[in-house]
Amino acid sequence: MNIDWSIVATVATPILALFVGAALNRFIERRPKLLVYIAHTSAFRLAAPPHGQVHTHSIVIRNAGKRAAHDIHVSHFVLPENFNVFPDTEYEVRTLPGGGSDLIFSTFPPGFQLTISYLYFPPLLFNQINSFVRHRDGFARAITVLPTPQYSPWILRSLWALIALGSITAAYFAYLLVSKLFATLMHH
């Protein structure tokens, strides 16, 4: 079977342009990208007096973008009295007129990650504390974190190369199929 390379080039060019365009867009686009997720939630029974229960949870905020995020507001329905910011970072606590509070941070540089841990008592639960995170350019995206294995970069690049190769091959075979069907229909 002879391969018509002009057809392969015709099919492969837009697919390659798509991948190159997406890579260029990702490389050139410079904006903050705040991600927020709950790191853990826990409840402890106190063995020593006063007996009872203590709740705790943490949220992690990360700037995964290429530009610094400014004027970050971590909003709370209820801000517990006991909370910790790590790493130790300067912030302001602002009480909101409708109730609740904001922790306000001035800047998160690219790649910066901050953890806020809360300690509180029943009947307060973790979903009654945090409301949202926003910054000057928009809202943080809340993500669900699931434990997954992390692959090395060379394995991920190899997988993407195989996906691209498979896509090009599938497009070429689809073209062959359509051309054969069209040729068969034209001869009948």
Foldseek 3Di string as FASTA:
>chain_A
DDDDVVVLCVLLVVLVVVVVVVVVCQVPDADWAKEKEKPDKDKDFDPDPPTAIKIKTKMKIAGQGRAKFAWKKFWWQDADPDKDKPPDADWDWAADPVGTIITTHGIAGHGRMMMMMDMDHPPDGPVRTTDFMATPVGGHHYDYDDDDDDDDPVVVVVVVVVVSVVVSVVSSVVVVVVVVVVVVVVVD
